[in-house]
Amino acid sequence: MANIQMPQNAVMPMQWNVLAVWQREEQDRDDTTFNQRLLLSAPNSQVLFDRQSSWRFETRIARTITRALGFPISNAGLLNLSLSYKRPESEWIDVGSFPIEVISEPISRSTI
């Protein structure tokens, strides 16, 4: 079935979360604040979501949960969710990329 045209800035009304688990390295000090960045990009590279947060290691492992309300669905195709981090006064370091496919198809009346 062919993709349908979605309204610009259409979002699916849902909460979604991204969990990141970070492991302390030997050179990481207790008082260092790290930053992480999540970018969700459309197939045409348009940024749909850009969220930054920070954390410190209180133990050997740190977990961050990024919560978002509404998932962008205007751009059918393969979206890219990328995760990066940085130490103070450094550049962003990419650590992961996750494909998310958005498929837009009409709902038949028999399924409503």
Protein backbone atom coordinates (compact mmCIF):
# COMPACT_ATOMS: atom_id res chain seq x y z
CA MET A 1 0.00 0.00 0.00
CA ALA A 2 1.36 3.47 -0.84
CA ASN A 3 2.38 5.97 1.80
CA ILE A 4 -0.11 8.74 2.49
CA GLN A 5 0.72 12.42 2.96
CA MET A 6 0.78 13.31 6.66
CA PRO A 7 0.21 16.86 7.89
CA GLN A 8 3.42 18.75 8.60
CA ASN A 9 4.46 18.45 12.28
CA ALA A 10 2.09 15.50 12.87
CA VAL A 11 2.85 13.57 16.05
CA MET A 12 1.58 10.31 17.48
CA PRO A 13 0.20 11.02 20.96
CA MET A 14 2.39 8.71 22.99
CA GLN A 15 5.14 8.79 25.57
CA TRP A 16 8.42 7.24 24.47
CA ASN A 17 11.67 6.78 26.36
CA VAL A 18 15.32 6.25 25.56
CA LEU A 19 17.51 4.47 28.11
CA ALA A 20 21.27 4.96 27.97
CA VAL A 21 23.67 3.05 30.20
CA TRP A 22 27.12 4.58 30.71
CA GLN A 23 30.17 2.90 32.24
CA ARG A 24 32.78 4.93 34.10
CA GLU A 25 36.28 4.85 32.63
CA GLU A 26 39.46 5.12 34.71
CA GLN A 27 40.10 8.75 33.79
CA ASP A 28 36.56 9.86 34.79
CA ARG A 29 36.55 11.90 37.99
CA ASP A 30 33.69 11.94 40.50
CA ASP A 31 33.03 15.65 39.98
CA THR A 32 32.86 15.51 36.18
CA THR A 33 29.51 16.38 34.63
CA PHE A 34 28.90 14.63 31.33
CA ASN A 35 26.38 15.67 28.69
CA GLN A 36 24.42 13.44 26.38
CA ARG A 37 22.50 14.35 23.26
CA LEU A 38 19.72 12.52 21.44
CA LEU A 39 18.94 13.58 17.88
CA LEU A 40 16.06 12.19 15.85
CA SER A 41 16.47 12.97 12.15
CA ALA A 42 14.12 12.51 9.20
CA PRO A 43 15.22 10.81 5.97
CA ASN A 44 15.94 14.30 4.54
CA SER A 45 18.22 15.03 7.60
CA GLN A 46 15.72 17.45 9.16
CA VAL A 47 16.11 17.37 12.95
CA LEU A 48 12.80 16.29 14.51
CA PHE A 49 13.95 15.95 18.12
CA ASP A 50 17.02 17.31 19.89
CA ARG A 51 17.30 16.67 23.61
CA GLN A 52 20.32 17.21 25.83
CA SER A 53 20.79 16.17 29.43
CA SER A 54 23.63 15.78 31.90
CA TRP A 55 24.75 13.27 34.49
CA ARG A 56 27.55 12.41 36.91
CA PHE A 57 28.83 9.01 37.90
CA GLU A 58 27.75 8.18 41.43
CA THR A 59 28.75 4.56 40.94
CA ARG A 60 30.60 2.63 38.23
CA ILE A 61 27.45 2.65 36.05
CA ALA A 62 25.17 5.59 35.24
CA ARG A 63 21.75 5.30 33.65
CA THR A 64 19.88 8.10 31.96
CA ILE A 65 16.28 7.97 30.80
CA THR A 66 15.09 10.56 28.32
CA ARG A 67 11.31 10.88 28.21
CA ALA A 68 9.44 12.48 25.34
CA LEU A 69 5.75 13.13 24.70
CA GLY A 70 4.57 12.76 21.12
CA PHE A 71 6.48 10.90 18.42
CA PRO A 72 6.95 12.77 15.11
CA ILE A 73 5.29 10.90 12.22
CA SER A 74 5.17 13.53 9.44
CA ASN A 75 8.17 12.04 7.66
CA ALA A 76 7.50 8.49 6.55
CA GLY A 77 10.61 6.43 6.03
CA LEU A 78 13.67 5.51 8.04
CA LEU A 79 14.32 7.96 10.88
CA ASN A 80 17.67 7.98 12.64
CA LEU A 81 17.99 8.32 16.42
CA SER A 82 21.59 9.09 17.33
CA LEU A 83 23.20 9.21 20.76
CA SER A 84 26.33 11.19 21.59
CA TYR A 85 28.08 12.44 24.71
CA LYS A 86 30.77 14.86 25.72
CA ARG A 87 32.97 15.72 28.63
CA PRO A 88 33.29 19.37 29.68
CA GLU A 89 35.07 21.48 27.08
CA SER A 90 35.15 18.71 24.47
CA GLU A 91 33.33 17.97 21.23
CA TRP A 92 30.38 15.59 20.89
CA ILE A 93 31.36 11.93 20.47
CA ASP A 94 28.86 9.74 18.59
CA VAL A 95 28.30 6.41 20.32
CA GLY A 96 25.22 4.93 18.72
CA SER A 97 22.66 5.18 15.98
CA PHE A 98 19.27 3.50 15.92
CA PRO A 99 16.99 3.24 12.87
CA ILE A 100 13.25 3.75 13.43
CA GLU A 101 10.93 3.12 10.49
CA VAL A 102 7.79 5.24 10.21
CA ILE A 103 5.18 3.79 7.86
CA SER A 104 2.04 5.77 7.11
CA GLU A 105 -0.86 3.80 5.66
CA PRO A 106 -4.57 4.54 5.67
CA ILE A 107 -6.70 2.57 8.11
CA SER A 108 -9.51 0.63 6.49
CA ARG A 109 -12.99 1.23 7.84
CA SER A 110 -13.23 -2.44 8.79
CA THR A 111 -10.46 -2.00 11.41
CA ILE A 112 -12.03 1.05 13.10
